[in-house]
N, C-alpha and C. Protein backbone atom coordinates (compact mmCIF):
# COMPACT_ATOMS: atom_id res chain seq x y z
N MET A 1 80.05 157.15 104.43
CA MET A 1 78.92 157.41 104.29
C MET A 1 78.50 156.71 102.59
N LYS A 2 79.91 156.56 101.77
CA LYS A 2 79.75 155.89 100.55
C LYS A 2 79.89 154.51 100.95
N SER A 3 80.07 153.63 102.02
CA SER A 3 79.87 152.67 102.47
C SER A 3 79.08 151.91 103.02
N LEU A 4 77.53 152.72 103.67
CA LEU A 4 76.32 152.99 104.42
C LEU A 4 75.90 153.03 102.50
N LEU A 5 75.94 153.77 102.15
CA LEU A 5 74.92 153.09 100.41
C LEU A 5 75.27 152.46 99.49
N LYS A 6 76.37 151.66 99.97
CA LYS A 6 76.47 150.26 99.34
C LYS A 6 75.79 149.28 100.01
N ILE A 7 75.72 149.17 100.88
CA ILE A 7 75.10 148.78 102.19
C ILE A 7 73.52 148.44 101.85
N LEU A 8 73.04 149.43 101.24
CA LEU A 8 71.53 150.23 101.33
C LEU A 8 71.26 149.54 100.11
N ALA A 9 72.31 149.49 98.81
CA ALA A 9 71.48 148.99 98.03
C ALA A 9 71.87 147.68 97.72
N PHE A 10 72.01 146.98 98.47
CA PHE A 10 71.97 145.19 98.36
C PHE A 10 70.84 144.79 99.63
N ILE A 11 69.98 145.64 100.26
CA ILE A 11 68.76 145.37 101.29
C ILE A 11 67.65 145.19 100.64
N PRO A 12 67.19 145.48 99.59
CA PRO A 12 65.94 144.78 98.40
C PRO A 12 66.64 143.33 98.42
N LEU A 13 67.65 142.98 98.24
CA LEU A 13 68.18 142.23 97.75
C LEU A 13 67.83 141.04 98.91
N GLY A 14 68.82 141.32 100.12
CA GLY A 14 68.46 140.57 101.26
C GLY A 14 67.20 139.87 102.14
N ILE A 15 66.52 141.26 101.75
CA ILE A 15 64.84 140.96 102.14
C ILE A 15 64.28 139.74 101.37
N GLU A 16 64.22 140.08 100.05
CA GLU A 16 63.96 138.90 98.92
C GLU A 16 64.55 137.53 98.97
N LEU A 17 65.53 137.51 99.40
CA LEU A 17 66.18 136.96 99.71
C LEU A 17 65.41 135.81 101.21
N LEU A 18 65.51 136.52 102.55
CA LEU A 18 65.23 136.23 103.18
C LEU A 18 63.50 135.89 103.67
N LEU A 19 63.14 136.37 102.73
CA LEU A 19 61.59 135.65 101.99
C LEU A 19 61.37 134.59 101.59
N LEU A 20 62.20 134.39 100.89
CA LEU A 20 62.32 133.13 100.23
C LEU A 20 62.42 131.88 100.62
N LEU A 21 64.11 132.47 101.58
CA LEU A 21 64.26 131.14 102.57
C LEU A 21 63.04 130.97 103.44
N ALA A 22 62.23 131.98 104.03
CA ALA A 22 61.39 131.98 105.17
C ALA A 22 59.89 130.81 104.57
N ILE A 23 59.62 130.96 103.07
CA ILE A 23 58.60 130.04 102.91
C ILE A 23 59.20 129.44 101.66
N HIS A 24 60.25 128.96 101.22
CA HIS A 24 60.16 127.97 100.96
C HIS A 24 59.86 126.66 100.30
N SER A 25 59.30 126.26 102.02
CA SER A 25 58.72 124.90 102.02
C SER A 25 56.92 124.89 101.32
N LYS A 26 56.62 125.91 101.46
CA LYS A 26 55.17 126.67 101.55
C LYS A 26 55.04 126.97 99.64
N VAL A 27 55.95 127.61 98.93
CA VAL A 27 56.16 128.06 97.67
C VAL A 27 55.76 127.10 96.64
N ALA A 28 55.18 127.31 95.69
CA ALA A 28 54.59 126.04 94.48
C ALA A 28 55.87 126.31 93.45
N GLY A 29 55.73 125.83 91.97
CA GLY A 29 56.66 126.09 91.34
C GLY A 29 56.44 128.07 90.78
N MET A 30 55.05 128.08 90.46
CA MET A 30 54.45 128.80 89.60
C MET A 30 55.33 130.37 90.61
N ILE A 31 55.69 130.55 91.66
CA ILE A 31 55.94 131.47 92.18
C ILE A 31 57.70 131.72 92.24
N TRP A 32 57.96 130.54 91.86
CA TRP A 32 59.69 130.50 91.61
C TRP A 32 60.16 130.90 90.12
N MET A 33 59.01 130.73 89.85
CA MET A 33 59.35 131.17 88.04
C MET A 33 59.18 133.22 88.04
N ILE A 34 58.78 133.47 89.28
CA ILE A 34 58.54 134.60 89.68
C ILE A 34 58.98 135.37 90.44
N HIS A 35 60.07 134.61 91.27
CA HIS A 35 61.09 134.86 92.31
C HIS A 35 62.35 135.12 92.26
N ILE A 36 62.58 134.24 91.57
CA ILE A 36 63.68 133.33 90.52
C ILE A 36 64.50 135.21 89.60
N PRO A 37 63.42 135.76 88.90
CA PRO A 37 64.41 136.52 88.39
C PRO A 37 64.45 138.05 89.10
N ILE A 38 63.20 138.16 89.87
CA ILE A 38 63.23 139.30 90.76
C ILE A 38 64.37 139.11 91.55
N THR A 39 65.10 138.49 92.26
CA THR A 39 66.25 138.04 92.81
C THR A 39 67.08 138.68 91.83
N ILE A 40 67.48 138.22 91.08
CA ILE A 40 68.36 137.83 89.69
C ILE A 40 68.35 139.62 89.03
N LEU A 41 67.26 139.80 89.30
CA LEU A 41 67.38 141.88 89.05
C LEU A 41 67.30 142.40 89.70
N LEU A 42 67.34 142.42 90.90
CA LEU A 42 67.47 142.78 92.43
C LEU A 42 68.93 142.70 92.27
N GLY A 43 69.69 141.88 92.28
CA GLY A 43 71.03 141.46 92.55
C GLY A 43 72.03 142.99 91.27
N ILE A 44 71.60 142.66 90.18
CA ILE A 44 72.32 143.20 89.25
C ILE A 44 71.60 144.91 89.21
N VAL A 45 70.85 145.36 90.15
CA VAL A 45 70.50 146.75 90.04
C VAL A 45 71.39 147.09 91.35
N GLY A 46 71.78 146.53 92.60
CA GLY A 46 72.40 146.45 93.40
C GLY A 46 73.76 146.82 92.94
N MET A 47 73.90 145.77 91.74
CA MET A 47 75.70 145.53 91.61
C MET A 47 75.76 146.97 90.49
N GLY A 48 74.75 147.52 90.04
CA GLY A 48 75.05 148.52 88.92
C GLY A 48 74.70 150.42 89.69
N ILE A 49 74.44 149.90 90.84
CA ILE A 49 74.42 151.33 91.56
C ILE A 49 75.89 151.63 92.30
N VAL A 50 76.58 150.05 93.19
CA VAL A 50 78.02 150.41 93.37
C VAL A 50 78.53 150.06 92.46
N SER A 51 78.83 149.95 91.20
CA SER A 51 79.80 149.93 90.08
C SER A 51 80.14 151.16 90.22
N LYS A 52 82.01 151.25 89.35
CA LYS A 52 81.76 152.53 89.10
C LYS A 52 82.21 152.31 87.22
N LYS A 53 82.06 151.46 86.91
CA LYS A 53 81.83 151.20 85.33
C LYS A 53 80.76 151.36 84.76
N LYS A 54 80.66 152.19 83.55
CA LYS A 54 79.47 152.57 83.13
C LYS A 54 78.20 151.47 82.46
N TYR A 55 79.03 150.36 81.44
CA TYR A 55 77.93 149.45 81.16
C TYR A 55 77.76 148.79 82.24
N ILE A 56 77.79 148.91 83.53
CA ILE A 56 77.07 147.95 84.33
C ILE A 56 76.34 148.94 85.32
N GLN A 57 76.67 150.44 85.26
CA GLN A 57 75.75 151.13 85.93
C GLN A 57 74.55 151.18 84.95
N ARG A 58 74.73 151.65 83.83
CA ARG A 58 73.41 150.65 82.49
C ARG A 58 72.74 150.01 82.42
N SER A 59 73.33 148.74 82.89
CA SER A 59 72.63 147.56 82.48
C SER A 59 71.91 147.65 83.97
N GLY A 60 71.86 148.14 85.39
CA GLY A 60 71.31 148.05 86.51
C GLY A 60 70.64 149.18 86.43
N PHE A 61 71.09 150.47 85.77
CA PHE A 61 69.78 150.69 85.48
C PHE A 61 67.91 150.13 84.55
N GLY A 62 68.97 149.30 83.23
CA GLY A 62 68.14 148.95 82.92
C GLY A 62 67.02 147.70 83.84
N ALA A 63 67.60 146.93 84.70
CA ALA A 63 67.49 145.78 85.14
C ALA A 63 66.22 146.61 86.23
N LEU A 64 66.81 147.76 86.84
CA LEU A 64 65.81 148.40 87.74
C LEU A 64 64.43 148.73 86.54
N ILE A 65 64.27 149.13 85.45
CA ILE A 65 63.01 149.94 84.71
C ILE A 65 62.37 148.30 84.49
N VAL A 66 63.18 147.26 84.42
CA VAL A 66 62.55 146.02 84.12
C VAL A 66 61.93 145.49 84.68
N LEU A 67 62.43 145.55 86.21
CA LEU A 67 62.08 144.85 87.63
C LEU A 67 60.71 146.03 87.79
N THR A 68 60.53 147.27 87.22
CA THR A 68 59.71 148.12 87.64
C THR A 68 58.23 147.92 86.82
N VAL A 69 58.41 147.58 85.68
CA VAL A 69 57.26 147.18 84.78
C VAL A 69 56.78 145.49 85.25
N LEU A 70 58.29 144.82 85.39
CA LEU A 70 57.13 143.76 86.04
C LEU A 70 56.14 143.84 86.96
N LEU A 71 56.86 144.35 87.73
CA LEU A 71 55.79 144.33 89.19
C LEU A 71 54.66 145.24 89.33
N CYS A 72 54.64 146.04 87.79
CA CYS A 72 53.59 146.59 87.56
C CYS A 72 52.54 145.36 87.11
N ILE A 73 52.96 144.63 86.32
CA ILE A 73 52.67 143.87 85.37
C ILE A 73 51.95 142.87 86.44
N ILE A 74 52.69 142.49 87.44
CA ILE A 74 51.99 141.42 88.53
C ILE A 74 51.31 141.82 89.26
N GLY A 75 51.05 143.29 89.36
CA GLY A 75 50.26 144.25 90.25
C GLY A 75 48.73 144.20 90.15
N TYR A 76 48.75 143.98 88.96
CA TYR A 76 47.26 143.66 87.76
C TYR A 76 46.62 142.18 88.10
N TYR A 77 47.72 141.35 88.74
CA TYR A 77 46.94 140.48 88.97
C TYR A 77 46.94 139.98 90.34
N ASP A 78 47.51 140.50 91.14
CA ASP A 78 47.33 140.21 92.44
C ASP A 78 45.68 139.99 93.26
N TYR A 79 46.53 139.39 94.48
CA TYR A 79 44.75 139.65 95.26
C TYR A 79 44.48 140.66 95.85
N VAL A 80 45.57 141.64 96.18
CA VAL A 80 45.22 142.92 96.70
C VAL A 80 45.40 143.59 95.23
N LYS A 81 44.77 144.07 94.69
CA LYS A 81 44.84 144.93 93.61
C LYS A 81 45.93 145.68 93.90
N TRP A 82 47.03 145.57 92.59
CA TRP A 82 48.04 146.78 92.55
C TRP A 82 49.50 146.56 94.13
N PHE A 83 49.05 145.59 94.61
CA PHE A 83 49.79 145.76 95.53
C PHE A 83 51.36 146.10 95.03
N SER A 84 51.45 144.88 93.95
CA SER A 84 53.18 144.94 93.14
C SER A 84 53.69 146.22 92.76
N SER A 85 52.40 146.75 92.39
CA SER A 85 52.66 147.65 91.47
C SER A 85 53.00 149.08 92.54
N ILE A 86 52.50 148.89 93.56
CA ILE A 86 53.32 150.16 94.68
C ILE A 86 54.54 149.57 94.89
N VAL A 87 54.70 148.32 95.33
CA VAL A 87 56.38 147.77 95.67
C VAL A 87 57.36 148.40 94.76
N GLY A 88 56.35 148.35 93.46
CA GLY A 88 57.89 148.15 92.02
C GLY A 88 58.25 149.29 92.42
N ILE A 89 57.17 151.01 92.06
CA ILE A 89 57.37 152.05 92.40
C ILE A 89 58.29 152.47 93.64
N VAL A 90 57.88 151.86 94.99
CA VAL A 90 58.37 152.31 95.89
C VAL A 90 59.93 151.87 95.50
N ILE A 91 60.52 150.73 95.17
CA ILE A 91 61.54 150.14 94.96
C ILE A 91 62.36 151.33 94.36
N PHE A 92 61.70 151.66 92.89
CA PHE A 92 62.21 152.16 91.97
C PHE A 92 62.74 153.93 92.69
N MET A 93 61.75 154.09 93.40
CA MET A 93 62.01 155.66 93.55
C MET A 93 63.11 154.96 94.88
N TYR A 94 63.26 154.46 95.76
CA TYR A 94 64.08 153.99 96.66
C TYR A 94 65.95 154.13 95.79
N TYR A 95 65.85 153.30 94.80
CA TYR A 95 67.14 152.65 93.82
C TYR A 95 67.25 154.50 93.36
N VAL A 96 66.26 155.20 93.18
CA VAL A 96 67.05 156.45 92.20
C VAL A 96 67.44 157.26 93.33
N ILE A 97 66.91 157.47 94.80
CA ILE A 97 67.32 158.29 95.77
C ILE A 97 68.78 157.78 95.81
N ILE A 98 69.18 156.08 96.56
CA ILE A 98 70.44 155.97 96.78
C ILE A 98 71.10 155.67 95.76
N SER A 99 70.90 156.08 94.12
CA SER A 99 72.03 156.50 93.08
C SER A 99 72.11 157.69 93.15
N ILE A 100 71.08 158.82 93.47
CA ILE A 100 71.74 160.39 93.82
C ILE A 100 72.51 160.61 94.96
N LEU A 101 72.34 159.93 95.41
CA LEU A 101 73.01 160.11 96.81
C LEU A 101 74.78 159.61 96.32
N MET A 102 74.90 158.64 95.81
CA MET A 102 75.70 158.29 95.70
C MET A 102 76.90 158.88 94.74
N LYS A 103 76.31 159.62 93.51
CA LYS A 103 76.25 160.43 92.82
C LYS A 103 77.00 161.78 93.76
N LYS A 104 75.96 162.36 94.43
CA LYS A 104 76.77 163.76 95.72
C LYS A 104 77.98 163.34 96.30
N THR A 105 77.93 161.83 96.78
CA THR A 105 79.22 161.54 97.54
C THR A 105 80.47 161.42 96.77
N LYS A 106 80.32 160.98 95.95
CA LYS A 106 81.54 160.65 95.02
C LYS A 106 81.58 162.40 94.42
N ASN A 107 80.91 163.27 93.97
CA ASN A 107 81.32 164.44 93.56
C ASN A 107 82.02 165.38 94.76
N SER A 108 81.28 164.88 96.15
CA SER A 108 81.80 165.64 97.17
C SER A 108 83.23 164.95 97.81
N ILE A 109 83.80 163.82 97.39
CA ILE A 109 84.73 163.49 97.33
C ILE A 109 85.95 163.98 96.65
N ARG A 110 85.36 164.30 95.47
CA ARG A 110 86.52 164.90 94.08
C ARG A 110 86.79 166.30 95.01
N LEU A 111 85.59 167.20 95.34
CA LEU A 111 85.80 168.43 95.71
C LEU A 111 87.00 168.31 96.90
N ASN A 112 86.70 167.04 97.63
CA ASN A 112 87.99 167.78 99.06
C ASN A 112 88.97 167.32 98.54
N GLU A 113 89.44 166.24 97.56
CA GLU A 113 91.18 165.99 97.17
C GLU A 113 91.34 167.38 97.09
């Protein structure tokens, strides 16, 4: 169960990298300035969820908040108004659910020992 949650923590990063790979020839300079930080933030959030160190977990949660705020700001300027904001909120809820499940499985493993 825990290894499945570790894989789930990096799925948004994988999707972001696949999308960048698919559209890399069509993407202009301004898009790269937005998607490179988003990719870095997704990597930090994923590492924060799977890590056992408190410092890395807190930096991952901070990166999740920064990512959500960034996507909400981008959503104001989207062609489809607020689409990125909705994506940011969904990503936030996704990671919160995964982190809660990681803590539950961690506690259940302790109880079984």
